[in-house]
Amino acid sequence: MARGGYRPNAGRPKGSTWKSLPPGTRAIEFKAIEVAKAVNQTPLEYMLAIMNDPNADPTRRDRIANAAAPFMHGWPAGVRPGKKELARQGAKTAASGLG
């Protein structure tokens, strides 16, 4: 039984990008950049203005919030160490004679 090697149509399709974002998020960010340049704001300021506008369409506000969230809230760093970090910590304590 053969394993590995070339398989037709396997892998990511050519030209595909931004797969980790929800559909349409990247287009919203590009549009925000264009409009923000026209009104002399940063794209984040423009998105926050739309989010805080009570007259804006709720669906639009939700999509803008989704696009702006990565700029406002980063990933938590060091909340829970992974396997490699735990191994490094164990090696440090073993080397120092504490473990």
N, C-alpha and C. Protein backbone atom coordinates (compact mmCIF):
# COMPACT_ATOMS: atom_id res chain seq x y z
N MET A 1 0.85 -1.17 0.00
CA MET A 1 0.00 0.00 0.00
C MET A 1 0.90 1.24 0.00
N ALA A 2 0.74 2.07 -1.00
CA ALA A 2 1.56 3.26 -1.14
C ALA A 2 1.08 4.35 -0.18
N ARG A 3 2.02 5.10 0.34
CA ARG A 3 1.68 6.20 1.23
C ARG A 3 2.45 7.43 0.78
N GLY A 4 1.85 8.59 1.03
CA GLY A 4 2.52 9.84 0.70
C GLY A 4 2.57 10.06 -0.80
N GLY A 5 3.38 10.99 -1.19
CA GLY A 5 3.52 11.28 -2.61
C GLY A 5 2.46 12.24 -3.11
N TYR A 6 2.45 12.43 -4.40
CA TYR A 6 1.55 13.39 -5.02
C TYR A 6 0.12 12.86 -5.05
N ARG A 7 -0.81 13.69 -4.69
CA ARG A 7 -2.23 13.38 -4.81
C ARG A 7 -2.90 14.52 -5.55
N PRO A 8 -3.62 14.24 -6.60
CA PRO A 8 -4.26 15.32 -7.37
C PRO A 8 -5.26 16.09 -6.50
N ASN A 9 -5.28 17.39 -6.69
CA ASN A 9 -6.21 18.31 -5.99
C ASN A 9 -6.00 18.35 -4.48
N ALA A 10 -4.86 17.92 -3.99
CA ALA A 10 -4.58 17.97 -2.56
C ALA A 10 -3.95 19.32 -2.23
N GLY A 11 -4.17 19.80 -1.04
CA GLY A 11 -3.55 21.03 -0.58
C GLY A 11 -4.44 22.24 -0.78
N ARG A 12 -3.89 23.39 -0.45
CA ARG A 12 -4.64 24.63 -0.53
C ARG A 12 -4.79 25.05 -2.00
N PRO A 13 -5.96 25.51 -2.41
CA PRO A 13 -6.15 25.94 -3.80
C PRO A 13 -5.28 27.15 -4.12
N LYS A 14 -4.87 27.25 -5.37
CA LYS A 14 -4.05 28.38 -5.80
C LYS A 14 -4.83 29.67 -5.66
N GLY A 15 -4.15 30.70 -5.15
CA GLY A 15 -4.78 32.01 -5.01
C GLY A 15 -5.58 32.19 -3.75
N SER A 16 -5.68 31.18 -2.92
CA SER A 16 -6.46 31.32 -1.70
C SER A 16 -5.60 31.98 -0.62
N THR A 17 -6.16 32.98 0.04
CA THR A 17 -5.47 33.67 1.12
C THR A 17 -6.47 34.04 2.18
N TRP A 18 -5.97 34.47 3.34
CA TRP A 18 -6.82 34.97 4.42
C TRP A 18 -7.84 33.93 4.88
N LYS A 19 -7.46 32.68 4.90
CA LYS A 19 -8.41 31.63 5.27
C LYS A 19 -8.76 31.61 6.75
N SER A 20 -7.94 32.22 7.60
CA SER A 20 -8.20 32.14 9.03
C SER A 20 -9.23 33.17 9.50
N LEU A 21 -9.63 34.09 8.63
CA LEU A 21 -10.59 35.11 9.01
C LEU A 21 -11.99 34.73 8.56
N PRO A 22 -13.01 35.20 9.23
CA PRO A 22 -14.38 34.93 8.79
C PRO A 22 -14.62 35.52 7.41
N PRO A 23 -15.51 34.93 6.62
CA PRO A 23 -15.75 35.43 5.27
C PRO A 23 -16.18 36.90 5.27
N GLY A 24 -15.57 37.68 4.42
CA GLY A 24 -15.92 39.09 4.29
C GLY A 24 -15.18 40.02 5.21
N THR A 25 -14.46 39.48 6.19
CA THR A 25 -13.78 40.34 7.15
C THR A 25 -12.69 41.15 6.48
N ARG A 26 -11.90 40.52 5.64
CA ARG A 26 -10.80 41.21 4.98
C ARG A 26 -11.34 42.30 4.05
N ALA A 27 -12.44 42.05 3.38
CA ALA A 27 -13.03 43.06 2.51
C ALA A 27 -13.49 44.27 3.32
N ILE A 28 -14.03 44.03 4.51
CA ILE A 28 -14.45 45.14 5.37
C ILE A 28 -13.25 45.97 5.77
N GLU A 29 -12.15 45.32 6.10
CA GLU A 29 -10.96 46.07 6.50
C GLU A 29 -10.43 46.90 5.35
N PHE A 30 -10.40 46.36 4.13
CA PHE A 30 -9.93 47.13 2.99
C PHE A 30 -10.84 48.32 2.72
N LYS A 31 -12.14 48.13 2.82
CA LYS A 31 -13.08 49.24 2.63
C LYS A 31 -12.88 50.28 3.72
N ALA A 32 -12.65 49.86 4.95
CA ALA A 32 -12.43 50.79 6.05
C ALA A 32 -11.17 51.62 5.80
N ILE A 33 -10.15 51.02 5.23
CA ILE A 33 -8.92 51.75 4.94
C ILE A 33 -9.18 52.85 3.91
N GLU A 34 -9.93 52.50 2.86
CA GLU A 34 -10.23 53.48 1.81
C GLU A 34 -11.04 54.66 2.36
N VAL A 35 -12.10 54.37 3.11
CA VAL A 35 -12.96 55.42 3.64
C VAL A 35 -12.23 56.24 4.69
N ALA A 36 -11.43 55.58 5.52
CA ALA A 36 -10.70 56.29 6.57
C ALA A 36 -9.71 57.28 5.98
N LYS A 37 -9.07 56.91 4.87
CA LYS A 37 -8.15 57.85 4.22
C LYS A 37 -8.89 59.08 3.72
N ALA A 38 -10.12 58.89 3.25
CA ALA A 38 -10.90 60.00 2.73
C ALA A 38 -11.30 60.98 3.83
N VAL A 39 -11.49 60.52 5.05
CA VAL A 39 -11.92 61.40 6.14
C VAL A 39 -10.80 61.66 7.16
N ASN A 40 -9.55 61.34 6.78
CA ASN A 40 -8.38 61.58 7.63
C ASN A 40 -8.49 60.92 9.01
N GLN A 41 -8.86 59.66 9.04
CA GLN A 41 -8.91 58.85 10.26
C GLN A 41 -8.09 57.59 10.02
N THR A 42 -7.71 56.95 11.10
CA THR A 42 -7.12 55.63 10.94
C THR A 42 -8.27 54.65 10.70
N PRO A 43 -7.99 53.51 10.05
CA PRO A 43 -9.06 52.54 9.83
C PRO A 43 -9.71 52.09 11.13
N LEU A 44 -8.93 51.98 12.20
CA LEU A 44 -9.50 51.56 13.49
C LEU A 44 -10.46 52.63 14.02
N GLU A 45 -10.08 53.90 13.92
CA GLU A 45 -10.98 54.98 14.36
C GLU A 45 -12.28 54.96 13.58
N TYR A 46 -12.18 54.70 12.28
CA TYR A 46 -13.39 54.64 11.44
C TYR A 46 -14.28 53.47 11.87
N MET A 47 -13.67 52.30 12.09
CA MET A 47 -14.47 51.14 12.49
C MET A 47 -15.11 51.36 13.85
N LEU A 48 -14.39 51.98 14.78
CA LEU A 48 -14.96 52.25 16.10
C LEU A 48 -16.10 53.26 16.01
N ALA A 49 -15.98 54.22 15.10
CA ALA A 49 -17.06 55.20 14.93
C ALA A 49 -18.33 54.51 14.44
N ILE A 50 -18.18 53.56 13.52
CA ILE A 50 -19.35 52.82 13.03
C ILE A 50 -19.93 51.94 14.13
N MET A 51 -19.06 51.29 14.90
CA MET A 51 -19.55 50.43 15.99
C MET A 51 -20.34 51.21 17.01
N ASN A 52 -19.94 52.45 17.28
CA ASN A 52 -20.59 53.25 18.31
C ASN A 52 -21.76 54.07 17.78
N ASP A 53 -22.04 53.97 16.49
CA ASP A 53 -23.15 54.72 15.90
C ASP A 53 -24.46 53.95 16.10
N PRO A 54 -25.39 54.46 16.91
CA PRO A 54 -26.63 53.72 17.16
C PRO A 54 -27.54 53.64 15.94
N ASN A 55 -27.33 54.51 14.94
CA ASN A 55 -28.17 54.50 13.75
C ASN A 55 -27.67 53.53 12.67
N ALA A 56 -26.49 52.97 12.85
CA ALA A 56 -25.95 52.03 11.87
C ALA A 56 -26.69 50.70 11.96
N ASP A 57 -26.70 50.00 10.84
CA ASP A 57 -27.34 48.70 10.76
C ASP A 57 -26.65 47.74 11.75
N PRO A 58 -27.42 47.03 12.58
CA PRO A 58 -26.82 46.13 13.58
C PRO A 58 -25.92 45.06 12.96
N THR A 59 -26.28 44.56 11.78
CA THR A 59 -25.45 43.55 11.13
C THR A 59 -24.11 44.15 10.74
N ARG A 60 -24.14 45.36 10.24
CA ARG A 60 -22.90 46.04 9.86
C ARG A 60 -22.04 46.30 11.10
N ARG A 61 -22.66 46.72 12.17
CA ARG A 61 -21.92 46.97 13.41
C ARG A 61 -21.25 45.70 13.91
N ASP A 62 -21.96 44.58 13.82
CA ASP A 62 -21.40 43.30 14.26
C ASP A 62 -20.20 42.90 13.39
N ARG A 63 -20.32 43.08 12.09
CA ARG A 63 -19.22 42.71 11.19
C ARG A 63 -18.01 43.61 11.40
N ILE A 64 -18.26 44.89 11.61
CA ILE A 64 -17.16 45.83 11.88
C ILE A 64 -16.49 45.47 13.21
N ALA A 65 -17.29 45.12 14.21
CA ALA A 65 -16.72 44.73 15.50
C ALA A 65 -15.84 43.49 15.35
N ASN A 66 -16.27 42.56 14.54
CA ASN A 66 -15.50 41.36 14.29
C ASN A 66 -14.17 41.69 13.60
N ALA A 67 -14.21 42.66 12.68
CA ALA A 67 -12.99 43.05 11.97
C ALA A 67 -12.05 43.86 12.86
N ALA A 68 -12.59 44.65 13.78
CA ALA A 68 -11.77 45.52 14.63
C ALA A 68 -11.23 44.80 15.86
N ALA A 69 -11.83 43.71 16.25
CA ALA A 69 -11.45 43.03 17.49
C ALA A 69 -9.97 42.64 17.55
N PRO A 70 -9.37 42.11 16.47
CA PRO A 70 -7.95 41.75 16.58
C PRO A 70 -7.03 42.95 16.86
N PHE A 71 -7.46 44.14 16.47
CA PHE A 71 -6.65 45.33 16.70
C PHE A 71 -6.79 45.84 18.14
N MET A 72 -7.89 45.52 18.79
CA MET A 72 -8.15 46.00 20.14
C MET A 72 -7.73 44.99 21.20
N HIS A 73 -7.92 43.72 20.92
CA HIS A 73 -7.68 42.67 21.91
C HIS A 73 -6.75 41.63 21.32
N GLY A 74 -5.53 41.57 21.83
CA GLY A 74 -4.58 40.58 21.35
C GLY A 74 -4.83 39.23 21.99
N TRP A 75 -4.09 38.25 21.51
CA TRP A 75 -4.20 36.93 22.12
C TRP A 75 -3.55 36.95 23.49
N PRO A 76 -4.12 36.28 24.47
CA PRO A 76 -3.51 36.26 25.79
C PRO A 76 -2.18 35.51 25.76
N ALA A 77 -1.15 36.15 26.21
CA ALA A 77 0.17 35.54 26.18
C ALA A 77 0.46 34.86 27.52
N GLY A 78 0.88 33.64 27.45
CA GLY A 78 1.30 32.93 28.64
C GLY A 78 0.21 32.59 29.62
N VAL A 79 -1.03 32.52 29.18
CA VAL A 79 -2.11 32.18 30.08
C VAL A 79 -1.96 30.73 30.54
N ARG A 80 -1.72 29.87 29.60
CA ARG A 80 -1.54 28.46 29.92
C ARG A 80 -0.38 27.94 29.08
N PRO A 81 0.72 27.56 29.68
CA PRO A 81 1.86 27.11 28.89
C PRO A 81 1.57 25.80 28.18
N GLY A 82 2.13 25.66 27.00
CA GLY A 82 1.96 24.44 26.23
C GLY A 82 2.96 23.38 26.64
N LYS A 83 2.98 22.27 25.89
CA LYS A 83 3.86 21.15 26.23
C LYS A 83 5.33 21.54 26.16
N LYS A 84 5.68 22.32 25.13
CA LYS A 84 7.09 22.69 24.98
C LYS A 84 7.53 23.61 26.11
N GLU A 85 6.68 24.55 26.48
CA GLU A 85 7.03 25.47 27.57
C GLU A 85 7.14 24.71 28.89
N LEU A 86 6.24 23.78 29.15
CA LEU A 86 6.33 22.97 30.37
C LEU A 86 7.62 22.15 30.39
N ALA A 87 8.01 21.63 29.22
CA ALA A 87 9.25 20.86 29.15
C ALA A 87 10.46 21.75 29.42
N ARG A 88 10.44 22.98 28.88
CA ARG A 88 11.54 23.91 29.15
C ARG A 88 11.63 24.26 30.63
N GLN A 89 10.48 24.50 31.25
CA GLN A 89 10.48 24.82 32.67
C GLN A 89 10.99 23.63 33.49
N GLY A 90 10.58 22.43 33.11
CA GLY A 90 11.04 21.23 33.81
C GLY A 90 12.55 21.04 33.66
N ALA A 91 13.06 21.35 32.47
CA ALA A 91 14.50 21.21 32.24
C ALA A 91 15.27 22.24 33.07
N LYS A 92 14.74 23.44 33.21
CA LYS A 92 15.41 24.47 34.00
C LYS A 92 15.46 24.07 35.48
N THR A 93 14.34 23.58 36.00
CA THR A 93 14.31 23.21 37.42
C THR A 93 15.17 21.97 37.67
N ALA A 94 15.22 21.04 36.71
CA ALA A 94 16.05 19.85 36.88
C ALA A 94 17.53 20.22 36.83
N ALA A 95 17.88 21.18 35.97
CA ALA A 95 19.27 21.60 35.86
C ALA A 95 19.74 22.35 37.10
N SER A 96 18.81 23.06 37.74
CA SER A 96 19.20 23.82 38.92
C SER A 96 19.15 22.98 40.19
N GLY A 97 18.66 21.76 40.09
CA GLY A 97 18.61 20.88 41.24
C GLY A 97 17.40 21.08 42.14
N LEU A 98 16.40 21.85 41.63
CA LEU A 98 15.20 22.10 42.42
C LEU A 98 14.12 21.05 42.18
N GLY A 99 14.20 20.31 41.11
CA GLY A 99 13.11 19.39 40.77
C GLY A 99 13.46 18.03 41.02
